[in-house]
């Protein structure tokens, strides 16, 4: 979701070990409290399964949702293309005014039900109150 909603370049992998995560200079977003306590680099501990609340966290950090997106599968850049091109590629009619293609993996995307659900999550996240700890 961070790729789709905020256009962030992220690595999402359960193959990364704690040693790699402890030593990276990149921001680490985790649910692992031990990793959070041990790590010295920029880290966010999220202790909720509620997507609305964690989207709200990123909104509070000043990220602007839905201005730029990345491919949710590979993280590549997406470029706007004609929906006619997308229809030819996917083999069915697309009822959308905007379509995109990933420059890395070639997958096509458009404004559909999934996009509308994400937009609703963002709207709810703006209205959500949070109890945050360890914020300086």
Protein backbone atom coordinates (compact mmCIF):
# COMPACT_ATOMS: atom_id res chain seq x y z
CA UNK A 1 0.00 0.00 0.00
CA UNK A 2 2.89 2.38 0.62
CA UNK A 3 3.81 2.04 -3.04
CA UNK A 4 0.28 2.66 -4.29
CA UNK A 5 -0.83 5.35 -1.85
CA UNK A 6 2.34 7.36 -1.40
CA UNK A 7 4.60 6.39 -4.30
CA UNK A 8 7.29 5.24 -1.89
CA UNK A 9 10.17 3.11 -3.02
CA UNK A 10 9.94 0.23 -0.57
CA UNK A 11 11.31 -3.25 -0.13
CA UNK A 12 8.80 -5.67 1.30
CA UNK A 13 10.36 -9.03 2.03
CA UNK A 14 10.20 -11.61 4.79
CA UNK A 15 13.60 -12.83 3.54
CA UNK A 16 15.42 -9.88 5.12
CA UNK A 17 17.04 -10.84 8.40
CA UNK A 18 17.33 -8.73 11.53
CA UNK A 19 21.04 -8.14 10.85
CA UNK A 20 20.26 -6.53 7.49
CA UNK A 21 17.44 -4.47 9.00
CA UNK A 22 19.60 -3.35 11.93
CA UNK A 23 22.35 -2.13 9.59
CA UNK A 24 20.42 -0.46 6.77
CA UNK A 25 20.41 3.33 6.56
CA UNK A 26 16.87 3.22 5.18
CA UNK A 27 13.72 3.78 7.21
CA UNK A 28 12.45 0.50 8.64
CA UNK A 29 8.74 0.05 9.34
CA UNK A 30 8.18 -2.96 11.57
CA UNK A 31 5.92 -4.75 14.03
CA UNK A 32 8.93 -6.40 15.70
CA UNK A 33 9.38 -4.71 19.11
CA UNK A 34 12.86 -6.21 19.70
CA UNK A 35 14.08 -4.94 16.33
CA UNK A 36 12.60 -1.54 17.12
CA UNK A 37 14.35 -1.38 20.52
CA UNK A 38 17.71 -2.55 19.14
CA UNK A 39 17.86 -0.53 15.96
CA UNK A 40 19.70 2.82 15.89
CA UNK A 41 18.54 4.06 12.47
CA UNK A 42 15.20 5.59 11.52
CA UNK A 43 12.45 3.17 12.56
CA UNK A 44 8.70 3.19 12.94
CA UNK A 45 7.03 0.58 15.15
CA UNK A 46 3.44 -0.05 14.18
CA UNK A 47 1.52 -2.18 16.65
CA UNK A 48 -1.82 -2.37 14.91
CA UNK A 49 -3.43 -4.46 12.21
CA UNK A 50 -5.76 -1.55 11.44
CA UNK A 51 -4.79 -0.26 7.99
CA UNK A 52 -6.62 3.00 8.56
CA UNK A 53 -4.48 3.77 11.60
CA UNK A 54 -1.19 3.00 9.91
CA UNK A 55 -2.15 5.06 6.86
CA UNK A 56 -2.96 7.84 9.33
CA UNK A 57 0.59 7.56 10.71
CA UNK A 58 2.08 8.25 7.28
CA UNK A 59 -0.34 11.13 6.72
CA UNK A 60 0.84 12.66 10.02
CA UNK A 61 4.42 12.33 8.78
CA UNK A 62 3.44 14.68 5.97
CA UNK A 63 3.20 12.20 3.09
CA UNK A 64 0.73 13.17 0.39
CA UNK A 65 -1.51 10.29 -0.69
CA UNK A 66 -2.53 9.46 -4.24
CA UNK A 67 -0.27 12.06 -5.87
CA UNK A 68 2.23 9.52 -7.15
CA UNK A 69 2.05 5.74 -7.23
CA UNK A 70 4.37 2.86 -7.89
CA UNK A 71 3.64 -0.63 -9.10
CA UNK A 72 2.36 -2.58 -6.09
CA UNK A 73 4.07 -5.75 -7.32
CA UNK A 74 7.59 -4.72 -8.29
CA UNK A 75 7.82 -1.11 -7.07
CA UNK A 76 8.56 0.25 -10.55
CA UNK A 77 7.47 3.65 -11.79
CA UNK A 78 4.05 3.86 -13.42
CA UNK A 79 3.36 6.10 -16.39
CA UNK A 80 0.00 7.21 -17.66
CA UNK A 81 -1.10 5.51 -20.89
CA UNK A 82 -4.28 5.52 -22.91
CA UNK A 83 -6.96 3.23 -21.59
CA UNK A 84 -7.29 1.91 -25.13
CA UNK A 85 -3.71 0.60 -24.86
CA UNK A 86 -4.50 -0.95 -21.48
CA UNK A 87 -7.66 -2.61 -22.83
CA UNK A 88 -5.70 -4.20 -25.68
CA UNK A 89 -3.08 -5.48 -23.26
CA UNK A 90 -5.47 -6.95 -20.66
CA UNK A 91 -8.03 -8.21 -23.16
CA UNK A 92 -11.18 -6.64 -21.77
CA UNK A 93 -13.02 -3.33 -21.54
CA UNK A 94 -11.82 -0.92 -18.88
CA UNK A 95 -14.29 1.56 -17.46
CA UNK A 96 -11.86 4.22 -16.32
CA UNK A 97 -10.72 7.63 -17.48
CA UNK A 98 -7.10 7.04 -16.39
CA UNK A 99 -4.79 4.09 -16.93
CA UNK A 100 -1.14 3.42 -16.13
CA UNK A 101 1.58 0.94 -17.10
CA UNK A 102 4.53 -0.10 -14.94
CA UNK A 103 7.79 0.74 -16.70
CA UNK A 104 9.51 -2.22 -15.02
CA UNK A 105 7.16 -5.20 -15.23
CA UNK A 106 4.65 -3.92 -17.82
CA UNK A 107 1.50 -4.51 -15.73
CA UNK A 108 -1.46 -2.21 -16.32
CA UNK A 109 -3.54 -0.37 -13.73
CA UNK A 110 -6.65 1.78 -13.80
CA UNK A 111 -9.11 3.47 -11.46
CA UNK A 112 -11.39 0.66 -10.39
CA UNK A 113 -12.96 -0.80 -7.27
CA UNK A 114 -9.60 -1.39 -5.55
CA UNK A 115 -8.52 2.21 -6.14
CA UNK A 116 -11.84 3.50 -4.79
CA UNK A 117 -11.45 1.34 -1.64
CA UNK A 118 -7.95 2.73 -1.08
CA UNK A 119 -9.24 6.28 -1.51
CA UNK A 120 -11.92 5.56 1.11
CA UNK A 121 -9.24 4.23 3.50
CA UNK A 122 -7.30 7.47 3.08
CA UNK A 123 -10.43 9.54 3.78
CA UNK A 124 -11.04 7.52 6.95
CA UNK A 125 -7.36 7.82 7.95
CA UNK A 126 -7.60 11.63 7.82
CA UNK A 127 -10.43 11.43 10.38
CA UNK A 128 -8.73 8.90 12.68
CA UNK A 129 -7.24 9.85 16.02
CA UNK A 130 -4.08 8.10 17.17
CA UNK A 131 -2.41 7.47 20.49
CA UNK A 132 1.27 7.62 19.54
CA UNK A 133 4.14 7.02 21.94
CA UNK A 134 7.87 7.76 21.69
CA UNK A 135 7.37 10.71 19.36
CA UNK A 136 9.78 13.56 19.83
